[in-house]
N, C-alpha and C. Protein backbone atom coordinates (compact mmCIF):
# COMPACT_ATOMS: atom_id res chain seq x y z
N MET A 1 -7.24 37.77 -4.08
CA MET A 1 -7.05 37.27 -5.44
C MET A 1 -7.11 35.74 -5.47
N THR A 2 -6.52 35.10 -4.47
CA THR A 2 -6.53 33.64 -4.42
C THR A 2 -7.95 33.11 -4.28
N ASN A 3 -8.76 33.77 -3.47
CA ASN A 3 -10.15 33.36 -3.28
C ASN A 3 -10.92 33.50 -4.60
N PHE A 4 -10.67 34.59 -5.32
CA PHE A 4 -11.33 34.80 -6.62
C PHE A 4 -10.98 33.67 -7.58
N LEU A 5 -9.70 33.32 -7.66
CA LEU A 5 -9.27 32.25 -8.57
C LEU A 5 -9.87 30.91 -8.18
N ALA A 6 -9.98 30.65 -6.88
CA ALA A 6 -10.58 29.40 -6.41
C ALA A 6 -12.05 29.33 -6.82
N GLU A 7 -12.77 30.43 -6.62
CA GLU A 7 -14.18 30.47 -7.01
C GLU A 7 -14.33 30.37 -8.52
N PHE A 8 -13.48 31.08 -9.24
CA PHE A 8 -13.52 31.08 -10.70
C PHE A 8 -13.25 29.69 -11.26
N SER A 9 -12.29 28.98 -10.69
CA SER A 9 -11.94 27.65 -11.20
C SER A 9 -13.05 26.63 -10.97
N LYS A 10 -13.93 26.86 -10.00
CA LYS A 10 -15.05 25.94 -9.77
C LYS A 10 -15.96 25.86 -10.98
N GLU A 11 -16.08 26.95 -11.72
CA GLU A 11 -16.92 26.97 -12.92
C GLU A 11 -16.39 26.00 -13.96
N PHE A 12 -15.10 25.70 -13.92
CA PHE A 12 -14.48 24.84 -14.91
C PHE A 12 -14.21 23.43 -14.39
N LEU A 13 -13.78 23.34 -13.15
CA LEU A 13 -13.35 22.05 -12.62
C LEU A 13 -14.19 21.54 -11.45
N GLY A 14 -15.15 22.33 -10.99
CA GLY A 14 -15.90 21.94 -9.81
C GLY A 14 -15.10 22.20 -8.55
N GLU A 15 -15.58 21.66 -7.44
CA GLU A 15 -14.93 21.93 -6.15
C GLU A 15 -13.82 20.93 -5.81
N THR A 16 -13.93 19.72 -6.31
CA THR A 16 -12.98 18.68 -5.87
C THR A 16 -12.37 17.90 -7.05
N PRO A 17 -11.70 18.62 -7.98
CA PRO A 17 -11.08 17.88 -9.07
C PRO A 17 -9.91 17.05 -8.55
N THR A 18 -9.76 15.86 -9.09
CA THR A 18 -8.64 15.01 -8.67
C THR A 18 -7.37 15.45 -9.39
N GLN A 19 -6.25 15.09 -8.82
CA GLN A 19 -4.96 15.39 -9.47
C GLN A 19 -4.88 14.66 -10.81
N LYS A 20 -5.41 13.45 -10.86
CA LYS A 20 -5.40 12.68 -12.10
C LYS A 20 -6.21 13.39 -13.17
N ASP A 21 -7.39 13.93 -12.79
CA ASP A 21 -8.21 14.69 -13.74
C ASP A 21 -7.45 15.91 -14.25
N LYS A 22 -6.83 16.64 -13.34
CA LYS A 22 -6.08 17.84 -13.73
C LYS A 22 -4.94 17.49 -14.68
N LEU A 23 -4.22 16.42 -14.38
CA LEU A 23 -3.11 16.00 -15.23
C LEU A 23 -3.61 15.56 -16.60
N THR A 24 -4.70 14.82 -16.63
CA THR A 24 -5.27 14.39 -17.91
C THR A 24 -5.69 15.59 -18.74
N ILE A 25 -6.40 16.51 -18.11
CA ILE A 25 -6.86 17.72 -18.82
C ILE A 25 -5.67 18.48 -19.39
N LEU A 26 -4.66 18.70 -18.56
CA LEU A 26 -3.48 19.45 -18.99
C LEU A 26 -2.73 18.74 -20.12
N SER A 27 -2.46 17.47 -19.96
CA SER A 27 -1.64 16.77 -20.95
C SER A 27 -2.35 16.62 -22.30
N VAL A 28 -3.63 16.27 -22.27
CA VAL A 28 -4.36 16.13 -23.53
C VAL A 28 -4.50 17.49 -24.21
N THR A 29 -4.77 18.51 -23.44
CA THR A 29 -4.91 19.86 -24.01
C THR A 29 -3.62 20.31 -24.68
N VAL A 30 -2.50 20.11 -24.02
CA VAL A 30 -1.20 20.52 -24.59
C VAL A 30 -0.93 19.74 -25.89
N VAL A 31 -1.15 18.44 -25.87
CA VAL A 31 -0.91 17.63 -27.07
C VAL A 31 -1.78 18.11 -28.23
N LEU A 32 -3.07 18.33 -27.96
CA LEU A 32 -3.96 18.76 -29.03
C LEU A 32 -3.63 20.16 -29.53
N LEU A 33 -3.23 21.05 -28.65
CA LEU A 33 -2.82 22.38 -29.08
C LEU A 33 -1.59 22.32 -29.98
N VAL A 34 -0.64 21.48 -29.64
CA VAL A 34 0.55 21.31 -30.47
C VAL A 34 0.15 20.82 -31.86
N VAL A 35 -0.75 19.86 -31.93
CA VAL A 35 -1.22 19.34 -33.22
C VAL A 35 -1.93 20.44 -34.01
N ILE A 36 -2.81 21.18 -33.34
CA ILE A 36 -3.55 22.25 -34.02
C ILE A 36 -2.58 23.31 -34.55
N VAL A 37 -1.60 23.71 -33.75
CA VAL A 37 -0.61 24.69 -34.19
C VAL A 37 0.20 24.14 -35.36
N TYR A 38 0.63 22.92 -35.26
CA TYR A 38 1.43 22.31 -36.33
C TYR A 38 0.69 22.33 -37.67
N TYR A 39 -0.55 21.90 -37.66
CA TYR A 39 -1.31 21.81 -38.91
C TYR A 39 -1.87 23.14 -39.39
N ASN A 40 -1.78 24.16 -38.57
CA ASN A 40 -2.27 25.48 -38.95
C ASN A 40 -1.19 26.55 -38.85
N SER A 41 0.07 26.14 -38.81
CA SER A 41 1.15 27.11 -38.60
C SER A 41 1.21 28.16 -39.70
N ALA A 42 0.95 27.79 -40.94
CA ALA A 42 0.99 28.78 -42.02
C ALA A 42 -0.09 29.83 -41.84
N GLU A 43 -1.31 29.39 -41.56
CA GLU A 43 -2.41 30.34 -41.38
C GLU A 43 -2.21 31.19 -40.13
N LEU A 44 -1.71 30.58 -39.06
CA LEU A 44 -1.46 31.35 -37.84
C LEU A 44 -0.35 32.38 -38.03
N SER A 45 0.64 32.05 -38.83
CA SER A 45 1.73 33.01 -39.08
C SER A 45 1.30 34.14 -40.00
N ASP A 46 0.21 33.95 -40.74
CA ASP A 46 -0.29 35.00 -41.64
C ASP A 46 -1.17 36.03 -40.94
N ILE A 47 -1.54 35.78 -39.69
CA ILE A 47 -2.36 36.74 -38.96
C ILE A 47 -1.51 37.40 -37.88
N ALA A 48 -2.02 38.49 -37.35
CA ALA A 48 -1.29 39.22 -36.30
C ALA A 48 -1.01 38.29 -35.11
N LEU A 49 0.11 38.52 -34.45
CA LEU A 49 0.52 37.69 -33.32
C LEU A 49 -0.56 37.65 -32.24
N TRP A 50 -1.17 38.80 -31.93
CA TRP A 50 -2.18 38.83 -30.88
C TRP A 50 -3.39 37.96 -31.25
N LYS A 51 -3.70 37.87 -32.55
CA LYS A 51 -4.80 37.03 -32.99
C LYS A 51 -4.45 35.55 -32.85
N SER A 52 -3.20 35.21 -33.16
CA SER A 52 -2.76 33.82 -32.98
C SER A 52 -2.80 33.42 -31.51
N VAL A 53 -2.34 34.32 -30.64
CA VAL A 53 -2.36 34.05 -29.20
C VAL A 53 -3.81 33.92 -28.71
N LEU A 54 -4.68 34.81 -29.15
CA LEU A 54 -6.09 34.75 -28.77
C LEU A 54 -6.71 33.43 -29.24
N PHE A 55 -6.43 33.03 -30.47
CA PHE A 55 -6.91 31.76 -31.01
C PHE A 55 -6.47 30.60 -30.11
N LEU A 56 -5.21 30.59 -29.72
CA LEU A 56 -4.68 29.49 -28.90
C LEU A 56 -5.28 29.48 -27.50
N ILE A 57 -5.51 30.64 -26.92
CA ILE A 57 -6.12 30.70 -25.59
C ILE A 57 -7.54 30.15 -25.63
N VAL A 58 -8.31 30.56 -26.65
CA VAL A 58 -9.69 30.07 -26.76
C VAL A 58 -9.70 28.58 -27.06
N ALA A 59 -8.82 28.12 -27.95
CA ALA A 59 -8.73 26.69 -28.25
C ALA A 59 -8.38 25.91 -27.00
N LEU A 60 -7.44 26.42 -26.22
CA LEU A 60 -7.05 25.77 -24.96
C LEU A 60 -8.26 25.63 -24.05
N ASP A 61 -9.03 26.69 -23.90
CA ASP A 61 -10.18 26.65 -23.00
C ASP A 61 -11.25 25.68 -23.49
N ILE A 62 -11.49 25.67 -24.78
CA ILE A 62 -12.51 24.75 -25.32
C ILE A 62 -12.07 23.30 -25.15
N ILE A 63 -10.83 23.01 -25.47
CA ILE A 63 -10.33 21.63 -25.36
C ILE A 63 -10.30 21.18 -23.90
N ALA A 64 -9.74 22.01 -23.02
CA ALA A 64 -9.69 21.64 -21.61
C ALA A 64 -11.09 21.45 -21.04
N GLY A 65 -12.01 22.32 -21.43
CA GLY A 65 -13.38 22.21 -20.97
C GLY A 65 -14.07 20.96 -21.47
N ALA A 66 -13.71 20.53 -22.68
CA ALA A 66 -14.32 19.31 -23.23
C ALA A 66 -13.98 18.10 -22.36
N ILE A 67 -12.83 18.10 -21.77
CA ILE A 67 -12.45 16.99 -20.88
C ILE A 67 -13.03 17.23 -19.48
N ALA A 68 -12.89 18.46 -18.99
CA ALA A 68 -13.35 18.79 -17.63
C ALA A 68 -14.84 18.51 -17.44
N ASN A 69 -15.63 18.72 -18.49
CA ASN A 69 -17.07 18.52 -18.35
C ASN A 69 -17.45 17.06 -18.07
N PHE A 70 -16.55 16.15 -18.30
CA PHE A 70 -16.81 14.74 -18.03
C PHE A 70 -16.40 14.33 -16.62
N THR A 71 -15.72 15.21 -15.88
CA THR A 71 -15.24 14.82 -14.56
C THR A 71 -16.36 14.83 -13.54
N LYS A 72 -16.21 14.00 -12.54
CA LYS A 72 -17.19 13.93 -11.46
C LYS A 72 -17.31 15.27 -10.75
N SER A 73 -16.18 15.94 -10.57
CA SER A 73 -16.17 17.22 -9.87
C SER A 73 -17.02 18.25 -10.60
N SER A 74 -16.89 18.34 -11.91
CA SER A 74 -17.69 19.29 -12.69
C SER A 74 -19.16 18.91 -12.66
N GLN A 75 -19.43 17.62 -12.81
CA GLN A 75 -20.83 17.18 -12.77
C GLN A 75 -21.46 17.52 -11.42
N GLU A 76 -20.73 17.30 -10.34
CA GLU A 76 -21.25 17.61 -9.01
C GLU A 76 -21.46 19.12 -8.82
N TRP A 77 -20.56 19.92 -9.36
CA TRP A 77 -20.65 21.37 -9.21
C TRP A 77 -21.95 21.90 -9.83
N TYR A 78 -22.32 21.38 -10.99
CA TYR A 78 -23.51 21.88 -11.68
C TYR A 78 -24.79 21.14 -11.30
N LYS A 79 -24.67 20.12 -10.48
CA LYS A 79 -25.86 19.37 -10.05
C LYS A 79 -26.80 20.32 -9.31
N ASN A 80 -28.06 20.26 -9.67
CA ASN A 80 -29.10 21.07 -9.02
C ASN A 80 -28.86 22.57 -9.13
N LYS A 81 -28.20 23.00 -10.20
CA LYS A 81 -28.00 24.43 -10.45
C LYS A 81 -28.49 24.74 -11.87
N PRO A 82 -29.81 24.67 -12.09
CA PRO A 82 -30.33 24.83 -13.45
C PRO A 82 -30.00 26.19 -14.08
N LYS A 83 -29.98 27.25 -13.29
CA LYS A 83 -29.65 28.57 -13.85
C LYS A 83 -28.20 28.62 -14.29
N LYS A 84 -27.30 28.07 -13.46
CA LYS A 84 -25.88 28.04 -13.81
C LYS A 84 -25.65 27.20 -15.06
N ARG A 85 -26.41 26.13 -15.21
CA ARG A 85 -26.28 25.27 -16.39
C ARG A 85 -26.64 26.05 -17.65
N VAL A 86 -27.72 26.79 -17.62
CA VAL A 86 -28.14 27.57 -18.79
C VAL A 86 -27.13 28.68 -19.07
N ILE A 87 -26.68 29.36 -18.03
CA ILE A 87 -25.68 30.41 -18.21
C ILE A 87 -24.42 29.85 -18.84
N PHE A 88 -24.03 28.64 -18.42
CA PHE A 88 -22.82 28.02 -18.96
C PHE A 88 -22.90 27.89 -20.48
N TYR A 89 -24.05 27.51 -21.02
CA TYR A 89 -24.19 27.42 -22.48
C TYR A 89 -23.93 28.77 -23.12
N PHE A 90 -24.57 29.79 -22.58
CA PHE A 90 -24.49 31.11 -23.21
C PHE A 90 -23.15 31.80 -23.00
N GLU A 91 -22.36 31.35 -22.02
CA GLU A 91 -21.00 31.88 -21.87
C GLU A 91 -20.15 31.56 -23.09
N HIS A 92 -20.55 30.55 -23.84
CA HIS A 92 -19.78 30.16 -25.01
C HIS A 92 -19.93 31.11 -26.19
N VAL A 93 -20.83 32.08 -26.06
CA VAL A 93 -20.89 33.17 -27.03
C VAL A 93 -19.54 33.89 -27.02
N ILE A 94 -18.95 34.01 -25.83
CA ILE A 94 -17.65 34.66 -25.70
C ILE A 94 -16.58 33.88 -26.47
N HIS A 95 -16.58 32.56 -26.32
CA HIS A 95 -15.60 31.73 -27.04
C HIS A 95 -15.70 31.98 -28.55
N ILE A 96 -16.92 31.89 -29.05
CA ILE A 96 -17.12 32.02 -30.48
C ILE A 96 -16.81 33.45 -30.94
N GLY A 97 -17.20 34.42 -30.14
CA GLY A 97 -16.87 35.81 -30.48
C GLY A 97 -15.37 36.04 -30.57
N LEU A 98 -14.63 35.50 -29.61
CA LEU A 98 -13.17 35.66 -29.63
C LEU A 98 -12.54 34.88 -30.77
N LEU A 99 -13.06 33.70 -31.07
CA LEU A 99 -12.53 32.94 -32.21
C LEU A 99 -12.74 33.69 -33.52
N THR A 100 -13.91 34.26 -33.70
CA THR A 100 -14.15 35.00 -34.94
C THR A 100 -13.30 36.27 -35.00
N LEU A 101 -13.06 36.89 -33.86
CA LEU A 101 -12.16 38.04 -33.82
C LEU A 101 -10.75 37.62 -34.25
N ALA A 102 -10.34 36.45 -33.82
CA ALA A 102 -8.99 35.97 -34.12
C ALA A 102 -8.84 35.48 -35.55
N VAL A 103 -9.78 34.67 -36.03
CA VAL A 103 -9.56 34.03 -37.35
C VAL A 103 -10.71 34.20 -38.34
N GLY A 104 -11.75 34.92 -37.95
CA GLY A 104 -12.85 35.14 -38.89
C GLY A 104 -13.82 33.98 -38.92
N HIS A 105 -14.43 33.75 -40.08
CA HIS A 105 -15.41 32.68 -40.29
C HIS A 105 -16.62 32.85 -39.37
N THR A 106 -17.10 34.09 -39.32
CA THR A 106 -18.17 34.47 -38.41
C THR A 106 -19.42 33.62 -38.56
N TRP A 107 -19.93 33.47 -39.78
CA TRP A 107 -21.19 32.75 -39.97
C TRP A 107 -21.04 31.28 -39.64
N TYR A 108 -19.90 30.71 -39.95
CA TYR A 108 -19.66 29.30 -39.62
C TYR A 108 -19.69 29.13 -38.10
N CYS A 109 -18.93 29.96 -37.41
CA CYS A 109 -18.85 29.87 -35.95
C CYS A 109 -20.21 30.16 -35.29
N PHE A 110 -20.90 31.17 -35.80
CA PHE A 110 -22.21 31.52 -35.24
C PHE A 110 -23.20 30.37 -35.44
N GLY A 111 -23.18 29.76 -36.62
CA GLY A 111 -24.06 28.61 -36.88
C GLY A 111 -23.78 27.46 -35.94
N LEU A 112 -22.49 27.16 -35.73
CA LEU A 112 -22.10 26.10 -34.80
C LEU A 112 -22.56 26.42 -33.39
N LEU A 113 -22.39 27.66 -32.98
CA LEU A 113 -22.81 28.08 -31.64
C LEU A 113 -24.31 27.90 -31.44
N VAL A 114 -25.10 28.41 -32.36
CA VAL A 114 -26.56 28.32 -32.23
C VAL A 114 -27.00 26.86 -32.22
N PHE A 115 -26.48 26.08 -33.15
CA PHE A 115 -26.84 24.65 -33.20
C PHE A 115 -26.51 23.98 -31.87
N THR A 116 -25.31 24.23 -31.36
CA THR A 116 -24.84 23.56 -30.15
C THR A 116 -25.66 23.97 -28.93
N ILE A 117 -25.96 25.24 -28.80
CA ILE A 117 -26.75 25.69 -27.65
C ILE A 117 -28.16 25.09 -27.69
N VAL A 118 -28.80 25.15 -28.85
CA VAL A 118 -30.16 24.61 -28.97
C VAL A 118 -30.14 23.10 -28.70
N ALA A 119 -29.20 22.39 -29.31
CA ALA A 119 -29.10 20.94 -29.11
C ALA A 119 -28.76 20.61 -27.65
N GLY A 120 -27.85 21.38 -27.05
CA GLY A 120 -27.48 21.15 -25.66
C GLY A 120 -28.63 21.34 -24.71
N LEU A 121 -29.39 22.40 -24.90
CA LEU A 121 -30.56 22.64 -24.05
C LEU A 121 -31.61 21.54 -24.24
N PHE A 122 -31.80 21.12 -25.47
CA PHE A 122 -32.73 20.02 -25.75
C PHE A 122 -32.33 18.77 -24.97
N VAL A 123 -31.07 18.41 -25.04
CA VAL A 123 -30.58 17.22 -24.33
C VAL A 123 -30.68 17.43 -22.82
N ASN A 124 -30.27 18.59 -22.34
CA ASN A 124 -30.28 18.88 -20.92
C ASN A 124 -31.67 18.74 -20.30
N TYR A 125 -32.68 19.15 -21.04
CA TYR A 125 -34.04 19.11 -20.50
C TYR A 125 -34.78 17.81 -20.82
N THR A 126 -34.10 16.84 -21.40
CA THR A 126 -34.68 15.51 -21.57
C THR A 126 -34.71 14.84 -20.20
N LYS A 127 -35.76 14.12 -19.92
CA LYS A 127 -36.01 13.62 -18.55
C LYS A 127 -35.01 12.57 -18.05
N THR A 128 -34.82 11.49 -18.81
CA THR A 128 -34.02 10.38 -18.28
C THR A 128 -32.60 10.39 -18.84
N LEU A 129 -31.69 9.85 -18.06
CA LEU A 129 -30.29 9.77 -18.48
C LEU A 129 -30.17 8.98 -19.78
N LYS A 130 -30.84 7.85 -19.88
CA LYS A 130 -30.74 7.02 -21.08
C LYS A 130 -31.21 7.80 -22.31
N GLN A 131 -32.33 8.52 -22.20
CA GLN A 131 -32.83 9.29 -23.33
C GLN A 131 -31.91 10.47 -23.63
N GLN A 132 -31.30 11.04 -22.60
CA GLN A 132 -30.33 12.10 -22.82
C GLN A 132 -29.16 11.59 -23.66
N GLU A 133 -28.67 10.40 -23.33
CA GLU A 133 -27.55 9.83 -24.08
C GLU A 133 -27.92 9.58 -25.54
N VAL A 134 -29.12 9.05 -25.77
CA VAL A 134 -29.58 8.80 -27.14
C VAL A 134 -29.74 10.12 -27.90
N ASN A 135 -30.37 11.09 -27.26
CA ASN A 135 -30.56 12.40 -27.90
C ASN A 135 -29.23 13.09 -28.16
N ALA A 136 -28.31 12.98 -27.21
CA ALA A 136 -26.99 13.59 -27.39
C ALA A 136 -26.26 12.97 -28.58
N ALA A 137 -26.25 11.66 -28.65
CA ALA A 137 -25.59 11.00 -29.79
C ALA A 137 -26.24 11.42 -31.10
N SER A 138 -27.56 11.53 -31.10
CA SER A 138 -28.29 11.90 -32.32
C SER A 138 -27.93 13.32 -32.77
N VAL A 139 -27.98 14.28 -31.86
CA VAL A 139 -27.70 15.66 -32.28
C VAL A 139 -26.22 15.88 -32.59
N ILE A 140 -25.33 15.15 -31.93
CA ILE A 140 -23.91 15.25 -32.27
C ILE A 140 -23.68 14.72 -33.69
N LEU A 141 -24.30 13.60 -34.03
CA LEU A 141 -24.14 13.07 -35.39
C LEU A 141 -24.71 14.03 -36.42
N ILE A 142 -25.86 14.62 -36.13
CA ILE A 142 -26.42 15.62 -37.04
C ILE A 142 -25.44 16.79 -37.18
N GLY A 143 -24.91 17.25 -36.06
CA GLY A 143 -23.95 18.35 -36.08
C GLY A 143 -22.70 18.03 -36.87
N ILE A 144 -22.20 16.82 -36.74
CA ILE A 144 -21.01 16.42 -37.50
C ILE A 144 -21.28 16.48 -39.00
N VAL A 145 -22.42 15.97 -39.42
CA VAL A 145 -22.76 16.02 -40.84
C VAL A 145 -22.95 17.46 -41.30
N VAL A 146 -23.67 18.25 -40.52
CA VAL A 146 -23.91 19.64 -40.91
C VAL A 146 -22.61 20.42 -40.99
N PHE A 147 -21.72 20.28 -39.99
CA PHE A 147 -20.54 21.14 -39.92
C PHE A 147 -19.28 20.54 -40.53
N TYR A 148 -19.39 19.34 -41.11
CA TYR A 148 -18.27 18.79 -41.87
C TYR A 148 -18.64 18.47 -43.31
N VAL A 149 -19.92 18.19 -43.57
CA VAL A 149 -20.33 17.80 -44.92
C VAL A 149 -21.10 18.93 -45.61
N VAL A 150 -22.18 19.38 -44.98
CA VAL A 150 -23.02 20.41 -45.59
C VAL A 150 -22.29 21.75 -45.63
N PHE A 151 -21.73 22.15 -44.50
CA PHE A 151 -20.95 23.39 -44.41
C PHE A 151 -19.57 23.02 -43.86
N PRO A 152 -18.66 22.59 -44.74
CA PRO A 152 -17.36 22.12 -44.26
C PRO A 152 -16.59 23.16 -43.45
N ALA A 153 -15.94 22.68 -42.44
CA ALA A 153 -15.16 23.55 -41.55
C ALA A 153 -13.97 24.14 -42.29
N PRO A 154 -13.68 25.43 -42.05
CA PRO A 154 -12.44 26.00 -42.57
C PRO A 154 -11.25 25.26 -41.92
N GLN A 155 -10.15 25.16 -42.62
CA GLN A 155 -9.01 24.38 -42.13
C GLN A 155 -8.60 24.74 -40.71
N ILE A 156 -8.53 26.01 -40.40
CA ILE A 156 -8.07 26.42 -39.07
C ILE A 156 -9.06 26.03 -37.97
N LEU A 157 -10.31 25.76 -38.35
CA LEU A 157 -11.33 25.40 -37.37
C LEU A 157 -11.80 23.96 -37.52
N VAL A 158 -11.07 23.14 -38.24
CA VAL A 158 -11.53 21.78 -38.50
C VAL A 158 -11.67 20.95 -37.21
N TRP A 159 -10.96 21.30 -36.20
CA TRP A 159 -11.03 20.63 -34.89
C TRP A 159 -12.25 21.06 -34.09
N LEU A 160 -12.77 22.27 -34.36
CA LEU A 160 -13.76 22.90 -33.49
C LEU A 160 -15.10 22.18 -33.39
N PRO A 161 -15.78 21.83 -34.49
CA PRO A 161 -17.12 21.25 -34.32
C PRO A 161 -17.15 20.00 -33.46
N SER A 162 -16.25 19.08 -33.70
CA SER A 162 -16.30 17.83 -32.93
C SER A 162 -16.03 18.07 -31.45
N ILE A 163 -15.07 18.90 -31.14
CA ILE A 163 -14.73 19.15 -29.74
C ILE A 163 -15.81 19.99 -29.07
N PHE A 164 -16.32 20.99 -29.77
CA PHE A 164 -17.36 21.86 -29.21
C PHE A 164 -18.64 21.07 -28.95
N LEU A 165 -19.04 20.22 -29.91
CA LEU A 165 -20.23 19.38 -29.74
C LEU A 165 -20.04 18.39 -28.59
N LEU A 166 -18.89 17.75 -28.55
CA LEU A 166 -18.60 16.80 -27.48
C LEU A 166 -18.63 17.50 -26.12
N LYS A 167 -18.01 18.68 -26.05
CA LYS A 167 -17.92 19.42 -24.79
C LYS A 167 -19.29 19.80 -24.26
N LEU A 168 -20.09 20.45 -25.10
CA LEU A 168 -21.34 21.02 -24.60
C LEU A 168 -22.52 20.07 -24.62
N ILE A 169 -22.48 19.09 -25.51
CA ILE A 169 -23.64 18.20 -25.58
C ILE A 169 -23.39 16.92 -24.79
N MET A 170 -22.38 16.16 -25.13
CA MET A 170 -22.16 14.90 -24.43
C MET A 170 -21.54 15.14 -23.04
N GLY A 171 -20.61 16.09 -22.95
CA GLY A 171 -19.93 16.32 -21.69
C GLY A 171 -20.75 17.10 -20.68
N PHE A 172 -21.51 18.09 -21.14
CA PHE A 172 -22.21 18.95 -20.21
C PHE A 172 -23.72 18.69 -20.15
N SER A 173 -24.35 18.47 -21.29
CA SER A 173 -25.81 18.35 -21.32
C SER A 173 -26.32 17.03 -20.76
N VAL A 174 -25.55 15.97 -20.95
CA VAL A 174 -25.95 14.67 -20.38
C VAL A 174 -25.62 14.72 -18.90
N ARG A 175 -26.66 14.64 -18.09
CA ARG A 175 -26.51 14.85 -16.66
C ARG A 175 -26.32 13.51 -15.93
N ARG A 176 -25.06 13.13 -15.81
CA ARG A 176 -24.71 11.87 -15.15
C ARG A 176 -24.88 11.97 -13.65
N ASP A 177 -25.26 13.15 -13.16
CA ASP A 177 -25.39 13.36 -11.71
C ASP A 177 -26.74 12.89 -11.16
N ARG A 178 -27.55 12.30 -11.98
CA ARG A 178 -28.89 11.87 -11.54
C ARG A 178 -28.85 10.50 -10.93
């Protein structure tokens, strides 16, 4: 079981995460979860307890991953693993599926998922680091306008577009390992 957990955690933190990285990920994630719960306590109390717990677990994973994707350990883990990189994008179908199971807003979440995967792959396959950064900033800004202005986020998911875009596009798609 320990070996399985060690292998499983590499997908999130890489092989050599620093204690400082782990502490940063944990502390920022806890603070943001507290804020999300505080501002959504009424809506969370109106749904079944298991749905609230599921929502919090998925939010925890998305937030923690948004920070972890910027660590050297994560960047090194995915270096020269193009298949794993593509699979990583599509694993987020699970996140969005579980979020919609917990709080609904299926079309909003599905739209965000499709936009993010397409934009992330576009940035990932851009040749140079500098152009990746420019493309990432461009598609994140487009995503912010689309998912906050054109199709405003539901209150319980108002945190999701910015963190999801940051996690998968700027944190994961921009390959600082080059």
